[in-house]
Amino acid sequence: SIVLVHGAFVDGSGWKDTYSILSEAGYEVLVVQQP
């Protein structure tokens, strides 16, 4: 599985395209929404 952790000033929506590409490749992709 792949877990994506965003940085400061933004949220997890910035991973959208990366998430889609990895998901289409068959990976379980989870996105952390840390405050």
PDB file of all heavy atoms in Angstrom:
ATOM      1  N   SER A   1       0.853  -1.188   0.000  1.00  0.00           N
ATOM      2  CA  SER A   1       0.000   0.000   0.000  1.00  0.00           C
ATOM      3  C   SER A   1       0.885   1.233   0.000  1.00  0.00           C
ATOM      4  O   SER A   1       2.042   1.188   0.423  1.00  0.00           O
ATOM      5  CB  SER A   1      -0.909   0.011   1.228  1.00  0.00           C
ATOM      6  OG  SER A   1      -1.756  -1.120   1.259  1.00  0.00           O
ATOM      7  N   ILE A   2       0.347   2.342  -0.467  1.00  0.00           N
ATOM      8  CA  ILE A   2       1.076   3.610  -0.500  1.00  0.00           C
ATOM      9  C   ILE A   2       0.304   4.630   0.325  1.00  0.00           C
ATOM     10  O   ILE A   2      -0.900   4.830   0.114  1.00  0.00           O
ATOM     11  CB  ILE A   2       1.270   4.106  -1.946  1.00  0.00           C
ATOM     12  CG1 ILE A   2       2.128   3.115  -2.733  1.00  0.00           C
ATOM     13  CG2 ILE A   2       1.899   5.503  -1.965  1.00  0.00           C
ATOM     14  CD1 ILE A   2       2.204   3.388  -4.215  1.00  0.00           C
ATOM     15  N   VAL A   3       0.992   5.259   1.270  1.00  0.00           N
ATOM     16  CA  VAL A   3       0.380   6.282   2.116  1.00  0.00           C
ATOM     17  C   VAL A   3       1.058   7.617   1.812  1.00  0.00           C
ATOM     18  O   VAL A   3       2.282   7.730   1.909  1.00  0.00           O
ATOM     19  CB  VAL A   3       0.514   5.935   3.610  1.00  0.00           C
ATOM     20  CG1 VAL A   3       0.003   7.081   4.481  1.00  0.00           C
ATOM     21  CG2 VAL A   3      -0.241   4.644   3.929  1.00  0.00           C
ATOM     22  N   LEU A   4       0.258   8.618   1.434  1.00  0.00           N
ATOM     23  CA  LEU A   4       0.749   9.922   1.014  1.00  0.00           C
ATOM     24  C   LEU A   4       0.521  10.962   2.113  1.00  0.00           C
ATOM     25  O   LEU A   4      -0.603  11.117   2.605  1.00  0.00           O
ATOM     26  CB  LEU A   4       0.028  10.366  -0.263  1.00  0.00           C
ATOM     27  CG  LEU A   4       0.098   9.397  -1.458  1.00  0.00           C
ATOM     28  CD1 LEU A   4      -0.798   9.886  -2.591  1.00  0.00           C
ATOM     29  CD2 LEU A   4       1.528   9.227  -1.939  1.00  0.00           C
ATOM     30  N   VAL A   5       1.592  11.677   2.472  1.00  0.00           N
ATOM     31  CA  VAL A   5       1.532  12.661   3.553  1.00  0.00           C
ATOM     32  C   VAL A   5       1.894  14.037   2.991  1.00  0.00           C
ATOM     33  O   VAL A   5       3.019  14.243   2.521  1.00  0.00           O
ATOM     34  CB  VAL A   5       2.504  12.286   4.695  1.00  0.00           C
ATOM     35  CG1 VAL A   5       2.390  13.292   5.840  1.00  0.00           C
ATOM     36  CG2 VAL A   5       2.234  10.867   5.185  1.00  0.00           C
ATOM     37  N   HIS A   6       0.965  14.970   3.022  1.00  0.00           N
ATOM     38  CA  HIS A   6       1.201  16.298   2.448  1.00  0.00           C
ATOM     39  C   HIS A   6       2.070  17.147   3.363  1.00  0.00           C
ATOM     40  O   HIS A   6       2.355  16.793   4.518  1.00  0.00           O
ATOM     41  CB  HIS A   6      -0.123  17.008   2.146  1.00  0.00           C
ATOM     42  CG  HIS A   6      -0.951  17.333   3.348  1.00  0.00           C
ATOM     43  ND1 HIS A   6      -0.681  18.414   4.164  1.00  0.00           N
ATOM     44  CD2 HIS A   6      -2.054  16.738   3.872  1.00  0.00           C
ATOM     45  CE1 HIS A   6      -1.579  18.475   5.127  1.00  0.00           C
ATOM     46  NE2 HIS A   6      -2.425  17.462   4.987  1.00  0.00           N
ATOM     47  N   GLY A   7       2.477  18.303   2.866  1.00  0.00           N
ATOM     48  CA  GLY A   7       3.313  19.213   3.630  1.00  0.00           C
ATOM     49  C   GLY A   7       2.521  20.359   4.233  1.00  0.00           C
ATOM     50  O   GLY A   7       1.289  20.308   4.348  1.00  0.00           O
ATOM     51  N   ALA A   8       3.232  21.411   4.600  1.00  0.00           N
ATOM     52  CA  ALA A   8       2.605  22.576   5.210  1.00  0.00           C
ATOM     53  C   ALA A   8       1.901  23.435   4.161  1.00  0.00           C
ATOM     54  O   ALA A   8       2.234  23.394   2.977  1.00  0.00           O
ATOM     55  CB  ALA A   8       3.657  23.407   5.931  1.00  0.00           C
ATOM     56  N   PHE A   9       0.905  24.197   4.620  1.00  0.00           N
ATOM     57  CA  PHE A   9       0.180  25.215   3.842  1.00  0.00           C
ATOM     58  C   PHE A   9      -0.854  24.633   2.879  1.00  0.00           C
ATOM     59  O   PHE A   9      -1.644  25.378   2.313  1.00  0.00           O
ATOM     60  CB  PHE A   9       1.142  26.134   3.064  1.00  0.00           C
ATOM     61  CG  PHE A   9       2.310  26.603   3.877  1.00  0.00           C
ATOM     62  CD1 PHE A   9       3.601  26.236   3.544  1.00  0.00           C
ATOM     63  CD2 PHE A   9       2.110  27.393   4.999  1.00  0.00           C
ATOM     64  CE1 PHE A   9       4.681  26.649   4.311  1.00  0.00           C
ATOM     65  CE2 PHE A   9       3.181  27.815   5.778  1.00  0.00           C
ATOM     66  CZ  PHE A   9       4.476  27.433   5.432  1.00  0.00           C
ATOM     67  N   VAL A  10      -0.835  23.324   2.645  1.00  0.00           N
ATOM     68  CA  VAL A  10      -1.743  22.689   1.692  1.00  0.00           C
ATOM     69  C   VAL A  10      -2.412  21.495   2.376  1.00  0.00           C
ATOM     70  O   VAL A  10      -2.104  21.164   3.507  1.00  0.00           O
ATOM     71  CB  VAL A  10      -0.985  22.220   0.433  1.00  0.00           C
ATOM     72  CG1 VAL A  10      -0.396  23.407  -0.314  1.00  0.00           C
ATOM     73  CG2 VAL A  10       0.117  21.224   0.795  1.00  0.00           C
ATOM     74  N   ASP A  11      -3.321  20.842   1.637  1.00  0.00           N
ATOM     75  CA  ASP A  11      -3.926  19.623   2.176  1.00  0.00           C
ATOM     76  C   ASP A  11      -3.719  18.468   1.197  1.00  0.00           C
ATOM     77  O   ASP A  11      -2.991  18.590   0.223  1.00  0.00           O
ATOM     78  CB  ASP A  11      -5.411  19.834   2.503  1.00  0.00           C
ATOM     79  CG  ASP A  11      -6.269  20.112   1.263  1.00  0.00           C
ATOM     80  OD1 ASP A  11      -5.779  19.921   0.131  1.00  0.00           O
ATOM     81  OD2 ASP A  11      -7.431  20.507   1.439  1.00  0.00           O
ATOM     82  N   GLY A  12      -4.371  17.351   1.463  1.00  0.00           N
ATOM     83  CA  GLY A  12      -4.147  16.153   0.669  1.00  0.00           C
ATOM     84  C   GLY A  12      -4.656  16.211  -0.747  1.00  0.00           C
ATOM     85  O   GLY A  12      -4.333  15.331  -1.553  1.00  0.00           O
ATOM     86  N   SER A  13      -5.448  17.227  -1.102  1.00  0.00           N
ATOM     87  CA  SER A  13      -5.973  17.299  -2.471  1.00  0.00           C
ATOM     88  C   SER A  13      -4.873  17.491  -3.513  1.00  0.00           C
ATOM     89  O   SER A  13      -5.063  17.198  -4.687  1.00  0.00           O
ATOM     90  CB  SER A  13      -7.001  18.427  -2.590  1.00  0.00           C
ATOM     91  OG  SER A  13      -6.402  19.688  -2.333  1.00  0.00           O
ATOM     92  N   GLY A  14      -3.704  17.969  -3.076  1.00  0.00           N
ATOM     93  CA  GLY A  14      -2.600  18.132  -4.014  1.00  0.00           C
ATOM     94  C   GLY A  14      -2.073  16.822  -4.561  1.00  0.00           C
ATOM     95  O   GLY A  14      -1.338  16.805  -5.560  1.00  0.00           O
ATOM     96  N   TRP A  15      -2.449  15.712  -3.935  1.00  0.00           N
ATOM     97  CA  TRP A  15      -2.017  14.386  -4.391  1.00  0.00           C
ATOM     98  C   TRP A  15      -2.934  13.811  -5.466  1.00  0.00           C
ATOM     99  O   TRP A  15      -2.720  12.662  -5.903  1.00  0.00           O
ATOM    100  CB  TRP A  15      -1.993  13.412  -3.223  1.00  0.00           C
ATOM    101  CG  TRP A  15      -0.982  13.660  -2.161  1.00  0.00           C
ATOM    102  CD1 TRP A  15      -1.215  14.037  -0.867  1.00  0.00           C
ATOM    103  CD2 TRP A  15       0.447  13.519  -2.267  1.00  0.00           C
ATOM    104  NE1 TRP A  15      -0.034  14.142  -0.166  1.00  0.00           N
ATOM    105  CE2 TRP A  15       0.998  13.827  -0.999  1.00  0.00           C
ATOM    106  CE3 TRP A  15       1.296  13.161  -3.331  1.00  0.00           C
ATOM    107  CZ2 TRP A  15       2.371  13.781  -0.761  1.00  0.00           C
ATOM    108  CZ3 TRP A  15       2.658  13.121  -3.088  1.00  0.00           C
ATOM    109  CH2 TRP A  15       3.193  13.426  -1.824  1.00  0.00           C
ATOM    110  N   LYS A  16      -3.965  14.519  -5.885  1.00  0.00           N
ATOM    111  CA  LYS A  16      -5.017  13.937  -6.728  1.00  0.00           C
ATOM    112  C   LYS A  16      -4.458  13.188  -7.937  1.00  0.00           C
ATOM    113  O   LYS A  16      -4.813  12.031  -8.197  1.00  0.00           O
ATOM    114  CB  LYS A  16      -5.998  15.011  -7.184  1.00  0.00           C
ATOM    115  CG  LYS A  16      -7.150  14.479  -8.042  1.00  0.00           C
ATOM    116  CD  LYS A  16      -8.110  15.584  -8.409  1.00  0.00           C
ATOM    117  CE  LYS A  16      -9.281  15.046  -9.223  1.00  0.00           C
ATOM    118  NZ  LYS A  16      -8.853  14.499 -10.528  1.00  0.00           N
ATOM    119  N   ASP A  17      -3.618  13.832  -8.746  1.00  0.00           N
ATOM    120  CA  ASP A  17      -3.124  13.178  -9.960  1.00  0.00           C
ATOM    121  C   ASP A  17      -2.223  11.992  -9.626  1.00  0.00           C
ATOM    122  O   ASP A  17      -2.305  10.933 -10.261  1.00  0.00           O
ATOM    123  CB  ASP A  17      -2.371  14.182 -10.833  1.00  0.00           C
ATOM    124  CG  ASP A  17      -3.290  15.203 -11.472  1.00  0.00           C
ATOM    125  OD1 ASP A  17      -4.520  14.971 -11.496  1.00  0.00           O
ATOM    126  OD2 ASP A  17      -2.789  16.250 -11.938  1.00  0.00           O
ATOM    127  N   THR A  18      -1.362  12.154  -8.634  1.00  0.00           N
ATOM    128  CA  THR A  18      -0.490  11.053  -8.224  1.00  0.00           C
ATOM    129  C   THR A  18      -1.321   9.882  -7.702  1.00  0.00           C
ATOM    130  O   THR A  18      -1.048   8.717  -8.031  1.00  0.00           O
ATOM    131  CB  THR A  18       0.485  11.529  -7.130  1.00  0.00           C
ATOM    132  OG1 THR A  18       1.223  12.657  -7.619  1.00  0.00           O
ATOM    133  CG2 THR A  18       1.441  10.435  -6.739  1.00  0.00           C
ATOM    134  N   TYR A  19      -2.326  10.198  -6.922  1.00  0.00           N
ATOM    135  CA  TYR A  19      -3.238   9.170  -6.410  1.00  0.00           C
ATOM    136  C   TYR A  19      -3.877   8.384  -7.552  1.00  0.00           C
ATOM    137  O   TYR A  19      -3.914   7.142  -7.537  1.00  0.00           O
ATOM    138  CB  TYR A  19      -4.323   9.836  -5.558  1.00  0.00           C
ATOM    139  CG  TYR A  19      -5.460   8.926  -5.154  1.00  0.00           C
ATOM    140  CD1 TYR A  19      -5.419   8.220  -3.959  1.00  0.00           C
ATOM    141  CD2 TYR A  19      -6.578   8.768  -5.975  1.00  0.00           C
ATOM    142  CE1 TYR A  19      -6.454   7.384  -3.590  1.00  0.00           C
ATOM    143  CE2 TYR A  19      -7.615   7.930  -5.621  1.00  0.00           C
ATOM    144  CZ  TYR A  19      -7.554   7.235  -4.430  1.00  0.00           C
ATOM    145  OH  TYR A  19      -8.581   6.399  -4.079  1.00  0.00           O
ATOM    146  N   SER A  20      -4.368   9.095  -8.553  1.00  0.00           N
ATOM    147  CA  SER A  20      -5.048   8.431  -9.665  1.00  0.00           C
ATOM    148  C   SER A  20      -4.101   7.515 -10.436  1.00  0.00           C
ATOM    149  O   SER A  20      -4.449   6.374 -10.772  1.00  0.00           O
ATOM    150  CB  SER A  20      -5.645   9.478 -10.614  1.00  0.00           C
ATOM    151  OG  SER A  20      -6.632  10.248  -9.954  1.00  0.00           O
ATOM    152  N   ILE A  21      -2.901   7.993 -10.704  1.00  0.00           N
ATOM    153  CA  ILE A  21      -1.925   7.196 -11.465  1.00  0.00           C
ATOM    154  C   ILE A  21      -1.566   5.922 -10.702  1.00  0.00           C
ATOM    155  O   ILE A  21      -1.535   4.821 -11.272  1.00  0.00           O
ATOM    156  CB  ILE A  21      -0.671   8.038 -11.765  1.00  0.00           C
ATOM    157  CG1 ILE A  21      -1.011   9.196 -12.700  1.00  0.00           C
ATOM    158  CG2 ILE A  21       0.434   7.162 -12.379  1.00  0.00           C
ATOM    159  CD1 ILE A  21       0.062  10.268 -12.766  1.00  0.00           C
ATOM    160  N   LEU A  22      -1.301   6.047  -9.416  1.00  0.00           N
ATOM    161  CA  LEU A  22      -0.920   4.883  -8.620  1.00  0.00           C
ATOM    162  C   LEU A  22      -2.089   3.923  -8.430  1.00  0.00           C
ATOM    163  O   LEU A  22      -1.911   2.694  -8.452  1.00  0.00           O
ATOM    164  CB  LEU A  22      -0.380   5.336  -7.267  1.00  0.00           C
ATOM    165  CG  LEU A  22       0.961   6.081  -7.310  1.00  0.00           C
ATOM    166  CD1 LEU A  22       1.263   6.696  -5.953  1.00  0.00           C
ATOM    167  CD2 LEU A  22       2.089   5.143  -7.735  1.00  0.00           C
ATOM    168  N   SER A  23      -3.275   4.464  -8.248  1.00  0.00           N
ATOM    169  CA  SER A  23      -4.460   3.607  -8.104  1.00  0.00           C
ATOM    170  C   SER A  23      -4.712   2.817  -9.377  1.00  0.00           C
ATOM    171  O   SER A  23      -5.021   1.609  -9.329  1.00  0.00           O
ATOM    172  CB  SER A  23      -5.689   4.449  -7.756  1.00  0.00           C
ATOM    173  OG  SER A  23      -5.546   5.083  -6.504  1.00  0.00           O
ATOM    174  N   GLU A  24      -4.574   3.467 -10.524  1.00  0.00           N
ATOM    175  CA  GLU A  24      -4.767   2.780 -11.806  1.00  0.00           C
ATOM    176  C   GLU A  24      -3.716   1.692 -12.026  1.00  0.00           C
ATOM    177  O   GLU A  24      -3.949   0.742 -12.781  1.00  0.00           O
ATOM    178  CB  GLU A  24      -4.738   3.795 -12.946  1.00  0.00           C
ATOM    179  CG  GLU A  24      -5.975   4.686 -12.975  1.00  0.00           C
ATOM    180  CD  GLU A  24      -5.814   5.890 -13.900  1.00  0.00           C
ATOM    181  OE1 GLU A  24      -4.790   5.959 -14.602  1.00  0.00           O
ATOM    182  OE2 GLU A  24      -6.726   6.741 -13.903  1.00  0.00           O
ATOM    183  N   ALA A  25      -2.580   1.828 -11.363  1.00  0.00           N
ATOM    184  CA  ALA A  25      -1.533   0.816 -11.473  1.00  0.00           C
ATOM    185  C   ALA A  25      -1.760  -0.349 -10.505  1.00  0.00           C
ATOM    186  O   ALA A  25      -0.943  -1.273 -10.456  1.00  0.00           O
ATOM    187  CB  ALA A  25      -0.167   1.441 -11.211  1.00  0.00           C
ATOM    188  N   GLY A  26      -2.849  -0.308  -9.757  1.00  0.00           N
ATOM    189  CA  GLY A  26      -3.212  -1.430  -8.901  1.00  0.00           C
ATOM    190  C   GLY A  26      -2.867  -1.288  -7.443  1.00  0.00           C
ATOM    191  O   GLY A  26      -3.065  -2.219  -6.652  1.00  0.00           O
ATOM    192  N   TYR A  27      -2.373  -0.125  -7.024  1.00  0.00           N
ATOM    193  CA  TYR A  27      -1.999   0.073  -5.628  1.00  0.00           C
ATOM    194  C   TYR A  27      -3.181   0.541  -4.787  1.00  0.00           C
ATOM    195  O   TYR A  27      -4.020   1.325  -5.273  1.00  0.00           O
ATOM    196  CB  TYR A  27      -0.885   1.111  -5.507  1.00  0.00           C
ATOM    197  CG  TYR A  27       0.448   0.649  -6.024  1.00  0.00           C
ATOM    198  CD1 TYR A  27       0.843   0.940  -7.331  1.00  0.00           C
ATOM    199  CD2 TYR A  27       1.313  -0.083  -5.218  1.00  0.00           C
ATOM    200  CE1 TYR A  27       2.070   0.511  -7.825  1.00  0.00           C
ATOM    201  CE2 TYR A  27       2.539  -0.515  -5.700  1.00  0.00           C
ATOM    202  CZ  TYR A  27       2.911  -0.219  -7.003  1.00  0.00           C
ATOM    203  OH  TYR A  27       4.119  -0.652  -7.476  1.00  0.00           O
ATOM    204  N   GLU A  28      -3.223   0.089  -3.555  1.00  0.00           N
ATOM    205  CA  GLU A  28      -4.083   0.731  -2.566  1.00  0.00           C
ATOM    206  C   GLU A  28      -3.361   2.004  -2.142  1.00  0.00           C
ATOM    207  O   GLU A  28      -2.222   1.950  -1.668  1.00  0.00           O
ATOM    208  CB  GLU A  28      -4.302  -0.160  -1.353  1.00  0.00           C
ATOM    209  CG  GLU A  28      -5.169   0.528  -0.294  1.00  0.00           C
ATOM    210  CD  GLU A  28      -5.193  -0.205   1.040  1.00  0.00           C
ATOM    211  OE1 GLU A  28      -4.141  -0.748   1.460  1.00  0.00           O
ATOM    212  OE2 GLU A  28      -6.259  -0.202   1.676  1.00  0.00           O
ATOM    213  N   VAL A  29      -4.014   3.159  -2.325  1.00  0.00           N
ATOM    214  CA  VAL A  29      -3.402   4.444  -2.000  1.00  0.00           C
ATOM    215  C   VAL A  29      -4.257   5.136  -0.951  1.00  0.00           C
ATOM    216  O   VAL A  29      -5.464   5.312  -1.136  1.00  0.00           O
ATOM    217  CB  VAL A  29      -3.268   5.342  -3.250  1.00  0.00           C
ATOM    218  CG1 VAL A  29      -2.511   6.625  -2.896  1.00  0.00           C
ATOM    219  CG2 VAL A  29      -2.566   4.603  -4.385  1.00  0.00           C
ATOM    220  N   LEU A  30      -3.626   5.536   0.138  1.00  0.00           N
ATOM    221  CA  LEU A  30      -4.320   6.243   1.207  1.00  0.00           C
ATOM    222  C   LEU A  30      -3.693   7.624   1.372  1.00  0.00           C
ATOM    223  O   LEU A  30      -2.465   7.767   1.250  1.00  0.00           O
ATOM    224  CB  LEU A  30      -4.242   5.471   2.522  1.00  0.00           C
ATOM    225  CG  LEU A  30      -4.888   4.078   2.516  1.00  0.00           C
ATOM    226  CD1 LEU A  30      -3.855   3.015   2.179  1.00  0.00           C
ATOM    227  CD2 LEU A  30      -5.535   3.764   3.853  1.00  0.00           C
ATOM    228  N   VAL A  31      -4.516   8.619   1.641  1.00  0.00           N
ATOM    229  CA  VAL A  31      -4.060  10.002   1.765  1.00  0.00           C
ATOM    230  C   VAL A  31      -4.312  10.490   3.183  1.00  0.00           C
ATOM    231  O   VAL A  31      -5.435  10.432   3.681  1.00  0.00           O
ATOM    232  CB  VAL A  31      -4.785  10.914   0.751  1.00  0.00           C
ATOM    233  CG1 VAL A  31      -4.304  12.355   0.893  1.00  0.00           C
ATOM    234  CG2 VAL A  31      -4.577  10.412  -0.673  1.00  0.00           C
ATOM    235  N   VAL A  32      -3.251  10.967   3.823  1.00  0.00           N
ATOM    236  CA  VAL A  32      -3.374  11.509   5.173  1.00  0.00           C
ATOM    237  C   VAL A  32      -3.789  12.978   5.086  1.00  0.00           C
ATOM    238  O   VAL A  32      -3.248  13.734   4.288  1.00  0.00           O
ATOM    239  CB  VAL A  32      -2.024  11.392   5.929  1.00  0.00           C
ATOM    240  CG1 VAL A  32      -2.154  11.947   7.347  1.00  0.00           C
ATOM    241  CG2 VAL A  32      -1.543   9.944   5.952  1.00  0.00           C
ATOM    242  N   GLN A  33      -4.741  13.364   5.922  1.00  0.00           N
ATOM    243  CA  GLN A  33      -5.150  14.762   6.025  1.00  0.00           C
ATOM    244  C   GLN A  33      -4.779  15.255   7.426  1.00  0.00           C
ATOM    245  O   GLN A  33      -5.621  15.378   8.314  1.00  0.00           O
ATOM    246  CB  GLN A  33      -6.660  14.903   5.790  1.00  0.00           C
ATOM    247  CG  GLN A  33      -7.089  14.684   4.343  1.00  0.00           C
ATOM    248  CD  GLN A  33      -6.856  15.906   3.467  1.00  0.00           C
ATOM    249  OE1 GLN A  33      -5.966  16.700   3.712  1.00  0.00           O
ATOM    250  NE2 GLN A  33      -7.648  16.059   2.424  1.00  0.00           N
ATOM    251  N   GLN A  34      -3.497  15.487   7.626  1.00  0.00           N
ATOM    252  CA  GLN A  34      -3.046  15.930   8.943  1.00  0.00           C
ATOM    253  C   GLN A  34      -3.209  17.446   9.072  1.00  0.00           C
ATOM    254  O   GLN A  34      -3.083  18.179   8.088  1.00  0.00           O
ATOM    255  CB  GLN A  34      -1.602  15.494   9.216  1.00  0.00           C
ATOM    256  CG  GLN A  34      -0.533  16.316   8.519  1.00  0.00           C
ATOM    257  CD  GLN A  34      -0.208  15.813   7.128  1.00  0.00           C
ATOM    258  OE1 GLN A  34      -0.983  15.083   6.524  1.00  0.00           O
ATOM    259  NE2 GLN A  34       0.939  16.211   6.606  1.00  0.00           N
ATOM    260  N   PRO A  35      -3.484  17.942  10.263  1.00  0.00           N
ATOM    261  CA  PRO A  35      -3.802  19.362  10.442  1.00  0.00           C
ATOM    262  C   PRO A  35      -2.598  20.298  10.409  1.00  0.00           C
ATOM    263  O   PRO A  35      -2.770  21.510  10.308  1.00  0.00           O
ATOM    264  CB  PRO A  35      -4.495  19.414  11.801  1.00  0.00           C
ATOM    265  CG  PRO A  35      -3.997  18.204  12.526  1.00  0.00           C
ATOM    266  CD  PRO A  35      -3.783  17.155  11.477  1.00  0.00           C
TER     267      PRO A  35
END
